[in-house]
């Protein structure tokens, strides 16, 4: 029998953002943006094959998906994110630049605030 202290489940969930097939430019933008958030999240990268496993394992507060990838199966991506309480952030990646930083930051910030509110500040 296990004691409570023997649990492998972390006592406090850490904030995580999952990027699905981001490409180098989007990955660089996301890595820059997360450092401006109140609580810097861990960034995990997934491809289409590993996305569901990584999302289920890490339970991110946000899933960032390039628009062309999201268009492949929007209902499935939305369902997958919803199953772990994550926000889906679909981004246009043609111009992954300073403009993308300005568009992505408020979306990630709002998703993080929502995640923190649901978490209720638990340890």
Protein backbone atom coordinates (compact mmCIF):
# COMPACT_ATOMS: atom_id res chain seq x y z
CA UNK A 1 0.00 0.00 0.00
CA UNK A 2 1.24 3.49 -0.85
CA UNK A 3 1.34 6.41 1.51
CA UNK A 4 0.32 9.82 0.18
CA UNK A 5 3.98 10.86 0.05
CA UNK A 6 4.72 7.91 -2.28
CA UNK A 7 2.63 9.40 -5.07
CA UNK A 8 4.29 10.04 -8.40
CA UNK A 9 1.74 12.74 -9.20
CA UNK A 10 3.22 16.20 -8.66
CA UNK A 11 1.70 18.13 -5.77
CA UNK A 12 1.44 21.22 -7.94
CA UNK A 13 0.84 21.17 -11.67
CA UNK A 14 3.27 23.24 -13.66
CA UNK A 15 2.08 25.41 -16.54
CA UNK A 16 2.82 23.90 -19.94
CA UNK A 17 2.34 25.06 -23.51
CA UNK A 18 2.32 22.44 -26.26
CA UNK A 19 3.32 23.48 -29.76
CA UNK A 20 2.17 21.18 -32.54
CA UNK A 21 4.53 21.11 -35.55
CA UNK A 22 5.59 24.70 -34.94
CA UNK A 23 8.46 25.12 -37.38
CA UNK A 24 11.61 26.98 -36.36
CA UNK A 25 10.19 30.50 -36.61
CA UNK A 26 7.06 29.81 -34.54
CA UNK A 27 9.08 27.88 -31.97
CA UNK A 28 11.44 30.86 -31.58
CA UNK A 29 8.52 33.27 -31.21
CA UNK A 30 6.82 31.08 -28.58
CA UNK A 31 10.01 30.63 -26.61
CA UNK A 32 10.38 34.41 -26.55
CA UNK A 33 6.75 35.12 -25.62
CA UNK A 34 6.53 32.72 -22.68
CA UNK A 35 9.25 34.62 -20.83
CA UNK A 36 6.95 37.65 -20.60
CA UNK A 37 4.17 35.72 -18.84
CA UNK A 38 3.71 36.04 -15.07
CA UNK A 39 4.59 32.36 -14.61
CA UNK A 40 7.01 31.03 -17.24
CA UNK A 41 5.62 27.77 -18.61
CA UNK A 42 7.44 24.74 -19.89
CA UNK A 43 7.27 24.49 -23.69
CA UNK A 44 6.77 21.06 -25.24
CA UNK A 45 6.89 20.37 -28.97
CA UNK A 46 4.81 17.64 -30.60
CA UNK A 47 4.27 16.41 -34.11
CA UNK A 48 0.98 15.01 -35.39
CA UNK A 49 1.90 11.50 -34.27
CA UNK A 50 2.86 12.42 -30.69
CA UNK A 51 0.42 15.31 -30.08
CA UNK A 52 -2.30 13.36 -28.27
CA UNK A 53 0.20 11.56 -26.03
CA UNK A 54 2.07 14.74 -25.10
CA UNK A 55 -1.13 16.67 -24.46
CA UNK A 56 -2.55 13.87 -22.29
CA UNK A 57 0.71 13.54 -20.35
CA UNK A 58 1.47 17.23 -19.77
CA UNK A 59 -2.11 18.63 -19.58
CA UNK A 60 -1.12 22.04 -20.98
CA UNK A 61 -3.03 25.26 -20.45
CA UNK A 62 -2.58 26.08 -24.14
CA UNK A 63 -2.01 24.21 -27.38
CA UNK A 64 -0.49 26.37 -30.12
CA UNK A 65 -1.16 25.12 -33.63
CA UNK A 66 -0.22 26.66 -36.98
CA UNK A 67 -3.32 27.47 -39.04
CA UNK A 68 -2.58 24.97 -41.86
CA UNK A 69 -2.09 22.13 -39.36
CA UNK A 70 -5.27 23.03 -37.45
CA UNK A 71 -7.23 23.06 -40.72
CA UNK A 72 -6.27 19.40 -41.23
CA UNK A 73 -8.70 18.31 -38.45
CA UNK A 74 -10.06 21.22 -36.39
CA UNK A 75 -12.67 19.18 -34.52
CA UNK A 76 -10.11 16.64 -33.34
CA UNK A 77 -7.65 19.29 -32.16
CA UNK A 78 -10.40 21.18 -30.33
CA UNK A 79 -11.64 17.97 -28.70
CA UNK A 80 -8.16 16.94 -27.66
CA UNK A 81 -7.44 20.31 -26.03
CA UNK A 82 -10.86 20.44 -24.38
CA UNK A 83 -10.27 17.00 -22.82
CA UNK A 84 -7.44 18.45 -20.71
CA UNK A 85 -8.91 21.93 -20.24
CA UNK A 86 -6.48 23.63 -22.63
CA UNK A 87 -7.09 26.61 -24.87
CA UNK A 88 -6.42 26.08 -28.58
CA UNK A 89 -4.47 28.96 -30.06
CA UNK A 90 -4.44 28.80 -33.85
CA UNK A 91 -1.75 31.03 -35.31
CA UNK A 92 -0.99 32.27 -38.77
CA UNK A 93 2.66 31.43 -39.37
CA UNK A 94 3.39 33.05 -42.72
CA UNK A 95 4.89 36.05 -40.96
CA UNK A 96 6.31 34.63 -37.72
CA UNK A 97 7.76 37.91 -36.54
CA UNK A 98 7.29 40.71 -34.07
CA UNK A 99 3.65 41.00 -35.16
CA UNK A 100 3.09 37.36 -34.15
CA UNK A 101 4.63 38.07 -30.74
CA UNK A 102 2.09 40.87 -30.28
CA UNK A 103 -0.81 38.62 -31.26
CA UNK A 104 0.31 35.53 -29.34
CA UNK A 105 1.21 37.15 -25.99
CA UNK A 106 -2.33 38.28 -25.02
CA UNK A 107 -3.78 34.91 -26.02
CA UNK A 108 -1.24 32.96 -23.97
CA UNK A 109 -1.60 35.37 -21.06
CA UNK A 110 -5.40 34.92 -21.04
CA UNK A 111 -5.08 31.12 -21.30
CA UNK A 112 -2.61 31.08 -18.39
CA UNK A 113 -4.89 33.28 -16.26
CA UNK A 114 -7.83 30.95 -16.96
CA UNK A 115 -5.71 27.90 -16.08
CA UNK A 116 -4.55 29.52 -12.83
CA UNK A 117 -8.14 30.39 -11.89
CA UNK A 118 -9.23 26.77 -12.46
CA UNK A 119 -6.25 25.54 -10.49
CA UNK A 120 -7.38 27.77 -7.63
CA UNK A 121 -3.87 28.49 -6.42
CA UNK A 122 -3.52 24.99 -5.02
CA UNK A 123 -0.01 24.03 -3.92
